[in-house]
Amino acid sequence: MNEINKFYKSLMQDVAATQTGNEEGGSQEQTFTRIAVEMLADGGETENAAIAYDEKDFGKKGQHKINGYAIADNYETVDLFISIFDNSDTIRTIAKTDIDTATKRITNFFRKAVYNDYVNEVAESSPIFEFANTLANFQELKENLVRVNALILTNGDYKGEIPATAEMSGYKIFYRVLDIKYLYQISEQSRVPIEINFEEENFQIPCLAADSGNSEYKAYIAIIPGLCLANLYERYGARLLEQNVRSFLQFTGKINKGIRDTIKNEPYMFLAFNNGIAATADHIELDETNHFITKVRNLQIVNGGQTTASIYNTAKKDKAYISQIFVQVKFSIIEKQYNYSDIVSRISRYAITQNKVNEADFSANNPALIAFEKLSRYILSPVTAQNNMQTCWFFERARGQYKTLRSREGFTKSRQNAFDKKYPKNQMFTKVELAKFIDAFQEVWNGKKLAIGPHIVVRGNEKNYARFINDNLPENIKKINSVFFEDSIAKAILFKSAEKRYGTKVQNNNIGELRQVVVPYTLSLLNIITQDKLDLYKIWKEQQISPALSDFLYDLMKQINQFILDKSPVSHYIEWAKKEECWDAVKSNSWSFNINEIAADMIDEKNPPKRAIVDETEDTEENRQHKENIIRSIPFSLWKKIEAWGRDSEFLSVNRQSNASDLAFKIKGNRPLSDNDLVRGMAIFDIVCENNIELLDEADELTEKEKSEVTKNAQKTNNSPTNDITLELIQKMVNWDKRRRILKDWQWNVMNDIAIGKKPLNDRLAWGCKQNLKLLKQHGFTEE
């Protein structure tokens, strides 16, 4: 099975598992859409995506369909998602006719919505109403929208041509087909490389090579026409920008006004006035003179996103003449793949000059999030009346951690079941979800300025996460302790419970269509109403909110939902909810509630909960047992296979090969494992997981085979006429000698291991037991 097929199988399992565990319902196609869009969002290729299905008039000329949409924060880009999903055991080849049909349907939807007629046909309760209303009536979008991406998602394999770019009502529509190969690439590589052929684009890019004299990277200084840069930005949009930095920055501020004025009034001076841009790539090709760049691969702009976007937007919106504009580009070519991500990240950090970027913006390795992740791996939830098993809330700091750890540690069915019980899928949450749970609970003020409120949460994952990193995540790592973790999970439970009570359209039990607004608004208001006295520790201990608190939230959500519908000055309710003035209106309103209804959910100030900060060292024994379980899950014969593989592939040093052999015989003899054995065993296990995890696929089969052989040997031994030693007799000998201490300690220990099943009763051990029997009889032991 090749990597694409393995990825497909895993994807289909994810779709099935997610749909089964989704309380909100939804088809497999919509579940696939959600998973695929999440991959794109993690890769920085979309933002603020919403999954919303709508279709009409299939088989007719005006047929349309949409599975989801996204609107960029600056309203510059709209993404339309349409899915082609096939529930097959193997990857299906997608025909061009399928792509053509999808293209027609998604284009028809956009045409209907943007021309202000379809919104009048859609019920306000429909999931697609908000989007259709935005396209038809929201003036800010109409003024800023410059590109529409129609993304055809499929779990099949497509080898045909991509539909040509279209134009409608002055908007360009760019079509892309994201098939199983693309999804695999973005899943494994975080992003799909952009490759540019400047010759095919009819642009000459003069350059000067800098002889840096090192093996880490090559450097080139180039001059790129503004028209070329604008064309690239039009085609690729935010994909051009290094995502770890620019996902946190918006193209606003004084510097943009200066750039725009130069473009409009003095385009010929742009090269002199502008600092240029910095870009990275992993490969570059020059022409035969070595003076012009012809091709570049994996292009990313790490500094100059404002410059790039400003040139494009000024040309589009202001009809500025940009053929006289030239931009200086510093290309850093990192050719060693293992260094690529690290060096690009560091270049991004050091190169930014246009906007102030905090270290926290580079949050993939934020120390506070790393500390939180560590806590999530060993803090167990309390045993409750509903669940007598302790579980973990799995924090996925980096995309794919949950899936990777599950495949890494779940290499047998029993281990996979154990993993799923300890780390339930519905208790896995990402860093943007963590930001949402925490930011929705409580206001954060920066001096006299409100930095975080529910209106920030409503603005979408990316904007809210940026605020969370900068304004609501403790800088002091010592504050990221067990109490902080437990409170965070309590806020997660509170948020999820409120979402569930609000209801969904699918289940036909929803309060309305503003859940993404009403839930964070209600939780923030709840904190104000309770004066920050809600007992989060009680929620953590019970792993749920009380029925009284649930009812209290429900009544409050109904009031807030109606309030926003009645008081919004515009028909675009969600857009109003993104503004601080909406939150101010909610705070200043008089609400109907009885605080006594949730008195039991409040902190008793006379007897506040006693919270002990749990240190990680308290979990050392559990960690040790976890490692030993992994090592003992690998049977003797598989350890020997690992030893042979390590020798043949040279992935294991001679010492590691010897360690694998030692572990094999210790596992076979059921001998105790020392701390050094665990360290060495886990080191080998990590090497196998990284380089040949398929080796572990045989663990179950080989374990069963070895158990079968032990059983056969035991039966053979017990049936032998020359062997009159039975397990019952050995147990009697062990019990008799326990007080008298006739046997040597090791002799008694071996027989005790046989009696309790830790060692098999084979011929060799049976012979030793017979010798022990003779000795015990000499001291008065009888078999009766």
Foldseek 3Di string as FASTA:
>chain_A
DDPLLVLLQVLLVQLVVCQVPDPQHDDSQLSSVVVLVVLCVLLVQAFQKDFFWDWDDPPDQLTAIFGIKGADLQLAEIETEDEDEDNDSGAAEDDVVVVVVNVSRHVSVLQCLQCQHVLVVDDQQGLCNLVSCCNHPPVSNVQRYAEYEYEYEYQHHYDDDWDDWDADPNHIYHYDYCYSVNSSCCQVPVHDKDKDFVVVVVFWKFWDWDCPPDQFWTKIKIKGALVVLLVVCRHRPCSQADCLACLADDLDDDVLVVLLCCQAPPQLCQAVPDPFWEKEFADWDDPPVNGTTGMTMRIHTLECPNVSVSSNSSCSNVVGDRRNHMGMYMYIHGNDVVCVVVVSLVCSVPVYDPDDDDPLSSVLVQVLVVLLQVCQVFDWFAQAPVHNDTAGQHEDSRPPPLVLVLLLQVLDVVRNVVNCVRHPPVSYDYLLLLLLLVLLQEWFDDVPRTLTYLLQQLSGSSSSSSSCSVTPGDPPSVVSFPVVSLLSLLSVQQLVLLLVLCGDVSVPRHLGNPSSLLSSLLNHLVCVVLVVFFQSNVCRNNVHDDPLVSVQSNQSSNVLVVCLCVPPPDNSSSVSSNDVVSSVVVNPDDDDDDPVSCPVRGADPVDGDDDDTDDPVVCVVVVVVSLVVSLLLAALVLLLVLLVVCVVVVLDDPVLSVLSNVSSVCSVQVHDDDPVNSVSSVVSSVSCSVPPSVSSNCSVVVVVVVVVVLVVQLVVQVPDPVFPDDLVQLVLVLVVCVPVVQDDPVLSVVSVCCNVVSGGPHPVNSVSVVVVVVSVVVVPDDSD
